[in-house]
C-alpha atoms as a PDB file:
ATOM      1  CA  MET A   1      32.595  24.531 -21.472  1.00  0.00           C
ATOM      2  CA  ASP A   2      30.758  21.906 -23.331  1.00  0.00           C
ATOM      3  CA  GLU A   3      27.706  20.656 -21.729  1.00  0.00           C
ATOM      4  CA  PHE A   4      25.635  17.501 -22.776  1.00  0.00           C
ATOM      5  CA  LEU A   5      22.408  15.918 -21.786  1.00  0.00           C
ATOM      6  CA  VAL A   6      22.139  12.320 -21.210  1.00  0.00           C
ATOM      7  CA  GLU A   7      19.005  11.515 -22.798  1.00  0.00           C
ATOM      8  CA  ALA A   8      18.684   7.719 -21.948  1.00  0.00           C
ATOM      9  CA  ASP A   9      20.228   5.124 -19.779  1.00  0.00           C
ATOM     10  CA  SER A  10      22.922   3.422 -21.753  1.00  0.00           C
ATOM     11  CA  ASN A  11      25.035   1.576 -19.425  1.00  0.00           C
ATOM     12  CA  VAL A  12      28.126   3.360 -20.965  1.00  0.00           C
ATOM     13  CA  ARG A  13      31.093   4.354 -18.994  1.00  0.00           C
ATOM     14  CA  LEU A  14      31.583   8.312 -18.095  1.00  0.00           C
ATOM     15  CA  ASP A  15      35.131   8.287 -20.034  1.00  0.00           C
ATOM     16  CA  LEU A  16      33.675   6.314 -23.227  1.00  0.00           C
ATOM     17  CA  LEU A  17      30.757   8.772 -22.826  1.00  0.00           C
ATOM     18  CA  VAL A  18      32.677  11.955 -22.818  1.00  0.00           C
ATOM     19  CA  ALA A  19      35.121  10.633 -25.180  1.00  0.00           C
ATOM     20  CA  GLU A  20      32.468  10.069 -27.820  1.00  0.00           C
ATOM     21  CA  ARG A  21      30.410  13.419 -27.236  1.00  0.00           C
ATOM     22  CA  ALA A  22      33.311  15.593 -27.076  1.00  0.00           C
ATOM     23  CA  GLY A  23      35.191  14.113 -30.004  1.00  0.00           C
ATOM     24  CA  LEU A  24      38.472  13.153 -27.722  1.00  0.00           C
ATOM     25  CA  SER A  25      40.347   9.814 -27.379  1.00  0.00           C
ATOM     26  CA  ARG A  26      39.399   7.703 -24.582  1.00  0.00           C
ATOM     27  CA  THR A  27      42.770   8.340 -22.720  1.00  0.00           C
ATOM     28  CA  GLN A  28      42.232  12.335 -23.002  1.00  0.00           C
ATOM     29  CA  ALA A  29      38.476  11.943 -21.632  1.00  0.00           C
ATOM     30  CA  ALA A  30      40.002   9.922 -19.044  1.00  0.00           C
ATOM     31  CA  THR A  31      42.692  12.654 -18.161  1.00  0.00           C
ATOM     32  CA  LEU A  32      40.157  15.119 -18.085  1.00  0.00           C
ATOM     33  CA  ILE A  33      38.053  13.171 -15.373  1.00  0.00           C
ATOM     34  CA  ALA A  34      41.044  12.511 -13.279  1.00  0.00           C
ATOM     35  CA  LYS A  35      41.769  16.497 -13.278  1.00  0.00           C
ATOM     36  CA  GLY A  36      38.204  17.503 -12.404  1.00  0.00           C
ATOM     37  CA  ASN A  37      37.487  18.997 -15.931  1.00  0.00           C
ATOM     38  CA  VAL A  38      34.633  16.812 -16.145  1.00  0.00           C
ATOM     39  CA  THR A  39      31.511  17.111 -13.656  1.00  0.00           C
ATOM     40  CA  VAL A  40      28.069  14.963 -13.983  1.00  0.00           C
ATOM     41  CA  SER A  41      25.363  17.432 -12.998  1.00  0.00           C
ATOM     42  CA  GLY A  42      27.803  19.561 -10.787  1.00  0.00           C
ATOM     43  CA  ARG A  43      29.698  16.641  -9.266  1.00  0.00           C
ATOM     44  CA  ARG A  44      32.945  14.822  -9.913  1.00  0.00           C
ATOM     45  CA  GLU A  45      32.347  10.864 -10.591  1.00  0.00           C
ATOM     46  CA  LYS A  46      34.999   8.339 -11.732  1.00  0.00           C
ATOM     47  CA  ALA A  47      35.773   7.129 -15.330  1.00  0.00           C
ATOM     48  CA  SER A  48      33.940   4.152 -14.565  1.00  0.00           C
ATOM     49  CA  TYR A  49      30.800   5.915 -13.647  1.00  0.00           C
ATOM     50  CA  LYS A  50      27.785   5.331 -15.913  1.00  0.00           C
ATOM     51  CA  PRO A  51      25.652   8.558 -16.407  1.00  0.00           C
ATOM     52  CA  CYS A  52      21.949   8.161 -16.123  1.00  0.00           C
ATOM     53  CA  ALA A  53      19.083   9.414 -18.168  1.00  0.00           C
ATOM     54  CA  GLY A  54      18.747  13.378 -17.049  1.00  0.00           C
ATOM     55  CA  GLU A  55      22.038  13.850 -16.069  1.00  0.00           C
ATOM     56  CA  THR A  56      24.223  16.839 -17.393  1.00  0.00           C
ATOM     57  CA  LEU A  57      27.717  16.307 -18.288  1.00  0.00           C
ATOM     58  CA  ALA A  58      30.034  19.431 -18.432  1.00  0.00           C
ATOM     59  CA  VAL A  59      33.355  19.133 -19.938  1.00  0.00           C
ATOM     60  CA  ASP A  60      36.052  21.960 -19.804  1.00  0.00           C
ATOM     61  CA  ILE A  61      38.549  21.065 -22.747  1.00  0.00           C
ATOM     62  CA  PRO A  62      41.858  23.116 -22.398  1.00  0.00           C
ATOM     63  CA  PRO A  63      43.066  24.452 -25.542  1.00  0.00           C
ATOM     64  CA  SER A  64      46.074  21.547 -25.800  1.00  0.00           C
ATOM     65  CA  ALA A  65      43.344  19.064 -25.942  1.00  0.00           C
ATOM     66  CA  LYS A  66      41.156  20.436 -28.555  1.00  0.00           C
ATOM     67  CA  ARG A  67      41.371  19.126 -31.920  1.00  0.00           C
ATOM     68  CA  GLU A  68      43.345  21.046 -34.893  1.00  0.00           C
ATOM     69  CA  LEU A  69      40.928  22.989 -37.310  1.00  0.00           C
ATOM     70  CA  LEU A  70      41.435  20.931 -40.587  1.00  0.00           C
ATOM     71  CA  GLY A  71      40.720  22.856 -43.815  1.00  0.00           C
ATOM     72  CA  GLU A  72      38.446  20.373 -46.370  1.00  0.00           C
ATOM     73  CA  ASP A  73      37.884  20.588 -49.968  1.00  0.00           C
ATOM     74  CA  ILE A  74      34.130  21.099 -49.834  1.00  0.00           C
ATOM     75  CA  PRO A  75      32.087  22.817 -52.615  1.00  0.00           C
ATOM     76  CA  LEU A  76      30.232  26.133 -51.412  1.00  0.00           C
ATOM     77  CA  LYS A  77      27.904  28.181 -53.209  1.00  0.00           C
ATOM     78  CA  ILE A  78      29.456  31.643 -52.959  1.00  0.00           C
ATOM     79  CA  VAL A  79      26.955  34.606 -54.137  1.00  0.00           C
ATOM     80  CA  TYR A  80      29.124  37.318 -53.551  1.00  0.00           C
ATOM     81  CA  GLU A  81      33.229  37.591 -52.762  1.00  0.00           C
ATOM     82  CA  ASP A  82      35.910  40.592 -52.778  1.00  0.00           C
ATOM     83  CA  ASP A  83      39.004  40.804 -51.007  1.00  0.00           C
ATOM     84  CA  ASP A  84      37.288  41.745 -47.615  1.00  0.00           C
ATOM     85  CA  LEU A  85      34.434  39.409 -47.172  1.00  0.00           C
ATOM     86  CA  LEU A  86      32.182  36.703 -49.059  1.00  0.00           C
ATOM     87  CA  VAL A  87      28.517  36.090 -48.884  1.00  0.00           C
ATOM     88  CA  VAL A  88      27.783  31.995 -48.869  1.00  0.00           C
ATOM     89  CA  ASP A  89      24.506  30.403 -49.452  1.00  0.00           C
ATOM     90  CA  LYS A  90      24.857  27.697 -46.787  1.00  0.00           C
ATOM     91  CA  PRO A  91      22.567  24.631 -47.473  1.00  0.00           C
ATOM     92  CA  ALA A  92      20.468  22.766 -44.973  1.00  0.00           C
ATOM     93  CA  GLY A  93      22.316  20.129 -43.134  1.00  0.00           C
ATOM     94  CA  MET A  94      25.543  21.995 -42.991  1.00  0.00           C
ATOM     95  CA  VAL A  95      26.842  22.816 -39.370  1.00  0.00           C
ATOM     96  CA  VAL A  96      28.568  26.295 -39.361  1.00  0.00           C
ATOM     97  CA  HIS A  97      31.364  25.738 -37.065  1.00  0.00           C
ATOM     98  CA  PRO A  98      32.875  22.641 -35.758  1.00  0.00           C
ATOM     99  CA  ALA A  99      31.849  21.422 -32.222  1.00  0.00           C
ATOM    100  CA  PRO A 100      31.881  17.954 -30.606  1.00  0.00           C
ATOM    101  CA  GLY A 101      30.155  15.853 -32.747  1.00  0.00           C
ATOM    102  CA  ASN A 102      30.816  17.878 -35.722  1.00  0.00           C
ATOM    103  CA  TRP A 103      34.653  18.527 -36.263  1.00  0.00           C
ATOM    104  CA  THR A 104      34.559  17.866 -39.831  1.00  0.00           C
ATOM    105  CA  GLY A 105      32.568  18.738 -42.881  1.00  0.00           C
ATOM    106  CA  THR A 106      31.390  22.054 -41.345  1.00  0.00           C
ATOM    107  CA  LEU A 107      31.147  25.601 -43.064  1.00  0.00           C
ATOM    108  CA  VAL A 108      34.472  26.706 -41.252  1.00  0.00           C
ATOM    109  CA  ASN A 109      36.392  23.490 -42.537  1.00  0.00           C
ATOM    110  CA  ALA A 110      35.301  24.442 -46.076  1.00  0.00           C
ATOM    111  CA  LEU A 111      36.619  28.225 -45.447  1.00  0.00           C
ATOM    112  CA  VAL A 112      39.804  27.171 -43.904  1.00  0.00           C
ATOM    113  CA  GLY A 113      40.257  24.754 -46.868  1.00  0.00           C
ATOM    114  CA  ARG A 114      39.427  27.451 -49.685  1.00  0.00           C
ATOM    115  CA  LEU A 115      41.184  30.422 -48.011  1.00  0.00           C
ATOM    116  CA  ALA A 116      44.848  30.544 -46.837  1.00  0.00           C
ATOM    117  CA  GLU A 117      44.269  33.014 -44.286  1.00  0.00           C
ATOM    118  CA  MET A 118      41.306  33.852 -41.946  1.00  0.00           C
ATOM    119  CA  PRO A 119      40.608  35.716 -38.927  1.00  0.00           C
ATOM    120  CA  ARG A 120      39.434  33.351 -35.985  1.00  0.00           C
ATOM    121  CA  ASP A 121      38.161  33.983 -32.514  1.00  0.00           C
ATOM    122  CA  GLU A 122      38.538  32.044 -29.357  1.00  0.00           C
ATOM    123  CA  ALA A 123      35.754  29.557 -30.952  1.00  0.00           C
ATOM    124  CA  ASP A 124      37.386  28.807 -34.284  1.00  0.00           C
ATOM    125  CA  ARG A 125      34.780  30.439 -36.331  1.00  0.00           C
ATOM    126  CA  ALA A 126      37.238  31.317 -38.913  1.00  0.00           C
ATOM    127  CA  GLY A 127      35.617  34.948 -40.240  1.00  0.00           C
ATOM    128  CA  ILE A 128      31.865  33.730 -39.155  1.00  0.00           C
ATOM    129  CA  VAL A 129      30.024  37.201 -37.996  1.00  0.00           C
ATOM    130  CA  HIS A 130      26.916  35.353 -37.547  1.00  0.00           C
ATOM    131  CA  ARG A 131      25.492  31.904 -37.577  1.00  0.00           C
ATOM    132  CA  LEU A 132      22.675  29.802 -39.028  1.00  0.00           C
ATOM    133  CA  ASP A 133      21.191  26.432 -37.543  1.00  0.00           C
ATOM    134  CA  LYS A 134      22.187  23.348 -39.101  1.00  0.00           C
ATOM    135  CA  GLU A 135      18.724  22.874 -40.711  1.00  0.00           C
ATOM    136  CA  THR A 136      18.338  26.469 -41.863  1.00  0.00           C
ATOM    137  CA  SER A 137      19.405  27.499 -45.353  1.00  0.00           C
ATOM    138  CA  GLY A 138      20.734  30.843 -46.888  1.00  0.00           C
ATOM    139  CA  LEU A 139      22.861  33.454 -46.749  1.00  0.00           C
ATOM    140  CA  LEU A 140      25.736  34.048 -44.013  1.00  0.00           C
ATOM    141  CA  ILE A 141      28.475  36.889 -44.454  1.00  0.00           C
ATOM    142  CA  VAL A 142      32.241  35.781 -43.909  1.00  0.00           C
ATOM    143  CA  ALA A 143      35.004  38.215 -43.078  1.00  0.00           C
ATOM    144  CA  LYS A 144      38.276  37.843 -44.755  1.00  0.00           C
ATOM    145  CA  THR A 145      40.388  40.300 -42.812  1.00  0.00           C
ATOM    146  CA  GLU A 146      40.509  40.982 -39.222  1.00  0.00           C
ATOM    147  CA  LYS A 147      39.458  44.721 -40.012  1.00  0.00           C
ATOM    148  CA  SER A 148      36.471  43.712 -41.840  1.00  0.00           C
ATOM    149  CA  HIS A 149      35.733  40.932 -39.123  1.00  0.00           C
ATOM    150  CA  ARG A 150      35.611  43.610 -36.527  1.00  0.00           C
ATOM    151  CA  LEU A 151      33.789  45.979 -38.449  1.00  0.00           C
ATOM    152  CA  LEU A 152      30.854  43.404 -39.517  1.00  0.00           C
ATOM    153  CA  SER A 153      30.328  42.130 -36.112  1.00  0.00           C
ATOM    154  CA  SER A 154      30.166  46.145 -34.680  1.00  0.00           C
ATOM    155  CA  ALA A 155      27.812  46.432 -37.594  1.00  0.00           C
ATOM    156  CA  ILE A 156      25.467  43.283 -36.772  1.00  0.00           C
ATOM    157  CA  ALA A 157      25.758  44.305 -32.703  1.00  0.00           C
ATOM    158  CA  ALA A 158      24.160  47.892 -33.769  1.00  0.00           C
ATOM    159  CA  ARG A 159      21.796  46.457 -35.471  1.00  0.00           C
ATOM    160  CA  ARG A 160      22.768  47.819 -39.169  1.00  0.00           C
ATOM    161  CA  VAL A 161      22.634  44.428 -40.838  1.00  0.00           C
ATOM    162  CA  ALA A 162      19.123  43.505 -42.029  1.00  0.00           C
ATOM    163  CA  ARG A 163      18.532  39.955 -41.873  1.00  0.00           C
ATOM    164  CA  ARG A 164      15.055  38.562 -43.091  1.00  0.00           C
ATOM    165  CA  TYR A 165      14.039  34.835 -43.432  1.00  0.00           C
ATOM    166  CA  ALA A 166      11.425  33.058 -45.331  1.00  0.00           C
ATOM    167  CA  VAL A 167       9.382  30.912 -42.930  1.00  0.00           C
ATOM    168  CA  MET A 168       6.601  28.573 -43.159  1.00  0.00           C
ATOM    169  CA  ILE A 169       4.325  28.489 -40.200  1.00  0.00           C
ATOM    170  CA  TRP A 170       1.652  26.047 -38.976  1.00  0.00           C
ATOM    171  CA  GLY A 171      -1.583  27.974 -38.592  1.00  0.00           C
ATOM    172  CA  HIS A 172      -2.546  31.589 -39.100  1.00  0.00           C
ATOM    173  CA  LEU A 173      -0.862  34.928 -37.446  1.00  0.00           C
ATOM    174  CA  LYS A 174      -4.014  36.966 -35.931  1.00  0.00           C
ATOM    175  CA  SER A 175      -2.784  39.765 -37.883  1.00  0.00           C
ATOM    176  CA  ASP A 176      -0.650  40.550 -40.951  1.00  0.00           C
ATOM    177  CA  THR A 177       2.100  42.205 -38.808  1.00  0.00           C
ATOM    178  CA  ILE A 178       3.327  41.161 -35.475  1.00  0.00           C
ATOM    179  CA  THR A 179       6.462  42.006 -33.606  1.00  0.00           C
ATOM    180  CA  VAL A 180       7.434  39.077 -30.835  1.00  0.00           C
ATOM    181  CA  GLU A 181       9.791  40.478 -28.039  1.00  0.00           C
ATOM    182  CA  LYS A 182      10.493  37.773 -25.461  1.00  0.00           C
ATOM    183  CA  PRO A 183      13.720  37.037 -23.887  1.00  0.00           C
ATOM    184  CA  VAL A 184      15.267  34.012 -25.015  1.00  0.00           C
ATOM    185  CA  ALA A 185      17.665  31.664 -23.089  1.00  0.00           C
ATOM    186  CA  ARG A 186      18.955  28.138 -22.835  1.00  0.00           C
ATOM    187  CA  ASP A 187      15.844  25.717 -21.599  1.00  0.00           C
ATOM    188  CA  PRO A 188      16.224  24.745 -18.039  1.00  0.00           C
ATOM    189  CA  ARG A 189      14.871  21.373 -18.637  1.00  0.00           C
ATOM    190  CA  ASP A 190      16.746  20.576 -21.734  1.00  0.00           C
ATOM    191  CA  ARG A 191      20.228  22.413 -22.543  1.00  0.00           C
ATOM    192  CA  LYS A 192      19.600  21.421 -26.133  1.00  0.00           C
ATOM    193  CA  ARG A 193      16.652  23.817 -26.663  1.00  0.00           C
ATOM    194  CA  MET A 194      16.132  27.284 -26.223  1.00  0.00           C
ATOM    195  CA  ALA A 195      13.067  28.790 -24.342  1.00  0.00           C
ATOM    196  CA  ILE A 196      11.092  31.711 -23.561  1.00  0.00           C
ATOM    197  CA  VAL A 197      12.930  32.461 -20.018  1.00  0.00           C
ATOM    198  CA  ASN A 198      12.136  35.955 -18.090  1.00  0.00           C
ATOM    199  CA  SER A 199      15.960  36.167 -17.118  1.00  0.00           C
ATOM    200  CA  GLY A 200      17.172  35.399 -20.711  1.00  0.00           C
ATOM    201  CA  ARG A 201      18.460  38.025 -23.173  1.00  0.00           C
ATOM    202  CA  PRO A 202      16.240  40.373 -25.038  1.00  0.00           C
ATOM    203  CA  ALA A 203      15.076  39.378 -28.343  1.00  0.00           C
ATOM    204  CA  ARG A 204      12.997  40.941 -30.830  1.00  0.00           C
ATOM    205  CA  THR A 205      11.436  39.128 -33.938  1.00  0.00           C
ATOM    206  CA  ASP A 206       9.305  41.155 -36.722  1.00  0.00           C
ATOM    207  CA  LEU A 207       7.155  38.963 -38.706  1.00  0.00           C
ATOM    208  CA  TYR A 208       5.299  39.856 -41.788  1.00  0.00           C
ATOM    209  CA  ARG A 209       2.281  37.623 -43.563  1.00  0.00           C
ATOM    210  CA  LEU A 210       3.189  36.909 -47.448  1.00  0.00           C
ATOM    211  CA  ALA A 211       0.425  34.624 -48.062  1.00  0.00           C
ATOM    212  CA  ARG A 212      -2.316  32.646 -46.191  1.00  0.00           C
ATOM    213  CA  PHE A 213      -2.691  29.105 -47.166  1.00  0.00           C
ATOM    214  CA  ASP A 214      -5.339  26.628 -45.758  1.00  0.00           C
ATOM    215  CA  SER A 215      -2.690  24.880 -43.413  1.00  0.00           C
ATOM    216  CA  GLY A 216      -0.187  27.958 -42.623  1.00  0.00           C
ATOM    217  CA  ASP A 217       1.212  31.118 -43.411  1.00  0.00           C
ATOM    218  CA  LEU A 218       4.212  32.270 -45.725  1.00  0.00           C
ATOM    219  CA  LEU A 219       6.041  34.738 -43.724  1.00  0.00           C
ATOM    220  CA  ARG A 220       8.996  37.175 -44.084  1.00  0.00           C
ATOM    221  CA  ALA A 221      10.731  37.298 -40.307  1.00  0.00           C
ATOM    222  CA  GLN A 222      13.409  40.182 -39.630  1.00  0.00           C
ATOM    223  CA  LEU A 223      15.495  39.714 -36.748  1.00  0.00           C
ATOM    224  CA  HIS A 224      16.359  42.706 -34.713  1.00  0.00           C
ATOM    225  CA  THR A 225      18.702  40.428 -32.416  1.00  0.00           C
ATOM    226  CA  GLY A 226      20.458  37.326 -32.892  1.00  0.00           C
ATOM    227  CA  ARG A 227      19.758  34.722 -30.285  1.00  0.00           C
ATOM    228  CA  THR A 228      20.091  31.179 -30.925  1.00  0.00           C
ATOM    229  CA  HIS A 229      17.141  29.688 -32.237  1.00  0.00           C
ATOM    230  CA  GLN A 230      15.285  32.934 -31.595  1.00  0.00           C
ATOM    231  CA  ILE A 231      12.956  32.697 -34.647  1.00  0.00           C
ATOM    232  CA  ARG A 232      11.939  29.427 -34.339  1.00  0.00           C
ATOM    233  CA  VAL A 233      11.586  29.777 -30.214  1.00  0.00           C
ATOM    234  CA  HIS A 234       9.523  33.048 -31.197  1.00  0.00           C
ATOM    235  CA  LEU A 235       6.784  31.198 -33.339  1.00  0.00           C
ATOM    236  CA  ALA A 236       6.553  28.159 -30.983  1.00  0.00           C
ATOM    237  CA  SER A 237       5.957  30.581 -28.185  1.00  0.00           C
ATOM    238  CA  ILE A 238       2.888  32.097 -30.060  1.00  0.00           C
ATOM    239  CA  GLY A 239       1.460  28.686 -30.942  1.00  0.00           C
ATOM    240  CA  HIS A 240       2.895  28.740 -34.948  1.00  0.00           C
ATOM    241  CA  PRO A 241       5.885  26.766 -34.819  1.00  0.00           C
ATOM    242  CA  VAL A 242       7.998  26.442 -38.330  1.00  0.00           C
ATOM    243  CA  ILE A 243       6.676  23.740 -40.150  1.00  0.00           C
ATOM    244  CA  GLY A 244       9.157  20.954 -40.094  1.00  0.00           C
ATOM    245  CA  ASP A 245      10.554  22.096 -36.642  1.00  0.00           C
ATOM    246  CA  ASP A 246      11.026  18.692 -34.707  1.00  0.00           C
ATOM    247  CA  THR A 247      12.441  20.499 -31.582  1.00  0.00           C
ATOM    248  CA  TYR A 248      10.065  23.201 -31.254  1.00  0.00           C
ATOM    249  CA  GLY A 249       6.712  21.135 -32.283  1.00  0.00           C
ATOM    250  CA  GLY A 250       6.367  21.715 -35.947  1.00  0.00           C
ATOM    251  CA  GLY A 251       7.633  18.592 -37.266  1.00  0.00           C
ATOM    252  CA  GLY A 252       4.226  16.573 -36.860  1.00  0.00           C
ATOM    253  CA  GLY A 253       3.041  17.406 -40.544  1.00  0.00           C
ATOM    254  CA  ARG A 254       6.162  17.154 -42.288  1.00  0.00           C
ATOM    255  CA  LYS A 255       4.403  14.836 -45.078  1.00  0.00           C
ATOM    256  CA  VAL A 256       1.541  17.152 -45.671  1.00  0.00           C
ATOM    257  CA  ALA A 257       4.138  20.089 -46.257  1.00  0.00           C
ATOM    258  CA  GLY A 258       5.992  17.865 -48.388  1.00  0.00           C
ATOM    259  CA  LEU A 259       9.525  18.631 -46.638  1.00  0.00           C
ATOM    260  CA  PRO A 260      12.551  15.742 -46.123  1.00  0.00           C
ATOM    261  CA  PRO A 261      13.429  14.207 -43.021  1.00  0.00           C
ATOM    262  CA  LYS A 262      14.933  16.886 -40.525  1.00  0.00           C
ATOM    263  CA  ARG A 263      14.404  19.842 -42.722  1.00  0.00           C
ATOM    264  CA  HIS A 264      12.464  22.796 -41.288  1.00  0.00           C
ATOM    265  CA  PHE A 265      10.916  25.711 -43.673  1.00  0.00           C
ATOM    266  CA  LEU A 266      13.156  28.636 -42.674  1.00  0.00           C
ATOM    267  CA  HIS A 267      15.604  30.161 -45.160  1.00  0.00           C
ATOM    268  CA  ALA A 268      17.658  33.212 -44.767  1.00  0.00           C
ATOM    269  CA  ALA A 269      16.861  34.961 -48.141  1.00  0.00           C
ATOM    270  CA  TRP A 270      17.955  38.602 -47.921  1.00  0.00           C
ATOM    271  CA  LEU A 271      20.797  40.450 -46.580  1.00  0.00           C
ATOM    272  CA  GLN A 272      21.234  44.286 -46.514  1.00  0.00           C
ATOM    273  CA  PHE A 273      24.168  46.229 -44.863  1.00  0.00           C
ATOM    274  CA  ASN A 274      26.778  48.616 -45.895  1.00  0.00           C
ATOM    275  CA  HIS A 275      30.269  47.051 -46.875  1.00  0.00           C
ATOM    276  CA  PRO A 276      32.724  47.408 -43.887  1.00  0.00           C
ATOM    277  CA  ILE A 277      35.409  48.792 -45.795  1.00  0.00           C
ATOM    278  CA  THR A 278      34.147  50.645 -49.231  1.00  0.00           C
ATOM    279  CA  GLY A 279      30.604  51.800 -47.420  1.00  0.00           C
ATOM    280  CA  ALA A 280      28.763  50.589 -50.475  1.00  0.00           C
ATOM    281  CA  ALA A 281      24.846  49.157 -49.998  1.00  0.00           C
ATOM    282  CA  MET A 282      24.977  45.553 -50.768  1.00  0.00           C
ATOM    283  CA  ASP A 283      21.608  43.604 -51.324  1.00  0.00           C
ATOM    284  CA  LEU A 284      21.984  40.118 -51.673  1.00  0.00           C
ATOM    285  CA  ARG A 285      19.127  37.728 -52.133  1.00  0.00           C
ATOM    286  CA  SER A 286      18.595  33.875 -52.358  1.00  0.00           C
ATOM    287  CA  THR A 287      15.994  31.964 -54.027  1.00  0.00           C
ATOM    288  CA  LEU A 288      14.182  28.939 -52.183  1.00  0.00           C
ATOM    289  CA  PRO A 289      16.203  25.866 -52.425  1.00  0.00           C
ATOM    290  CA  THR A 290      14.328  23.005 -54.197  1.00  0.00           C
ATOM    291  CA  GLU A 291      13.006  21.328 -51.080  1.00  0.00           C
ATOM    292  CA  LEU A 292      11.537  24.406 -49.786  1.00  0.00           C
ATOM    293  CA  GLU A 293       9.868  25.326 -53.363  1.00  0.00           C
ATOM    294  CA  THR A 294       8.481  21.799 -53.304  1.00  0.00           C
ATOM    295  CA  SER A 295       7.073  22.314 -49.953  1.00  0.00           C
ATOM    296  CA  LEU A 296       5.633  25.696 -50.708  1.00  0.00           C
ATOM    297  CA  ARG A 297       3.703  24.197 -53.964  1.00  0.00           C
ATOM    298  CA  GLU A 298       2.239  21.607 -51.610  1.00  0.00           C
ATOM    299  CA  MET A 299       1.318  24.209 -48.982  1.00  0.00           C
ATOM    300  CA  ALA A 300      -0.067  26.563 -51.376  1.00  0.00           C
ATOM    301  CA  GLY A 301      -2.420  24.067 -53.438  1.00  0.00           C
ATOM    302  CA  GLY A 302      -4.132  25.706 -55.958  1.00  0.00           C
ATOM    303  CA  PHE A 303      -1.785  28.751 -56.110  1.00  0.00           C
ATOM    304  CA  ALA A 304       0.035  29.293 -59.523  1.00  0.00           C
ATOM    305  CA  ILE A 305       3.456  29.930 -58.254  1.00  0.00           C
ATOM    306  CA  GLY A 306       6.223  30.749 -61.294  1.00  0.00           C
ATOM    307  CA  THR A 307       9.913  30.368 -61.253  1.00  0.00           C
ATOM    308  CA  ASP A 308      10.760  32.911 -58.600  1.00  0.00           C
ATOM    309  CA  ALA A 309       8.129  32.314 -55.642  1.00  0.00           C
ATOM    310  CA  LEU A 310       9.496  34.718 -53.117  1.00  0.00           C
ATOM    311  CA  THR A 311       9.650  37.782 -55.308  1.00  0.00           C
ATOM    312  CA  GLU A 312       6.163  36.764 -56.680  1.00  0.00           C
ATOM    313  CA  PHE A 313       4.785  36.782 -52.957  1.00  0.00           C
ATOM    314  CA  GLY A 314       6.531  40.083 -52.211  1.00  0.00           C
ATOM    315  CA  PHE A 315       9.236  38.675 -49.907  1.00  0.00           C
ATOM    316  CA  TYR A 316      11.761  41.565 -51.371  1.00  0.00           C
ATOM    317  CA  ALA A 317       9.256  44.639 -51.364  1.00  0.00           C
END
């Protein structure tokens, strides 16, 4: 079931809106509406209905109506690969798996194009065992076999995969080490956002201050759970949004931080886990991409920073 929030009155018919948002033809959209697979804020409407701002479209797309998952020749930065898995350094701006509005150009499209066979779950994630937000860059593990997919998924669920992120926030933490443990769920007022909700799923993020600058802190964030937008929501909830994060209140000073449009300062820089087949200890690292390196230098002001900023600030210690 896919849900879309109508953000503004647009005088657009329901069938056209569903076709656009769900990546379907108008005929497919009209058929789903006629069969009752589409509701508007919980009620059925005709294809000619024009949804209003604030209404939610729920679209249940049967497998027969879904688009075929296509492989594409998209360059990837691979930091590790063997017969069982690979680790990719995802750039900001790349969506991980296909969804309405992003059926092509995703990491999954690139993986399917690169590898002849990959394990796929019902969501067509082609070997993906965890995810990164579109504007979050960094390391992502991809399973190449069904066995490694199963074992890696179990390891993540059992919290045996250490995932650490470099993040810059507005303002300063009250202490050098903070744990945020608050439940996260879909924001009931805006389905595109997540929020702290008492009935949500448990979530824990450990935060370690690496450096304090005039306008904000450079942190290492470690996930103990993997909720959607978890780090971003947790930081916003304590009054220190991620710099550049328009969704959760950190985008206002983008020019001050030297960040390009839509980019937020969050980078999956360090992964540690045991290889699912050999048991070997895996320690994989990613340096800051150029735009975040530039932002760090802007925020640091008079600090002298060399070629490996994260190492200099003790990120990997």
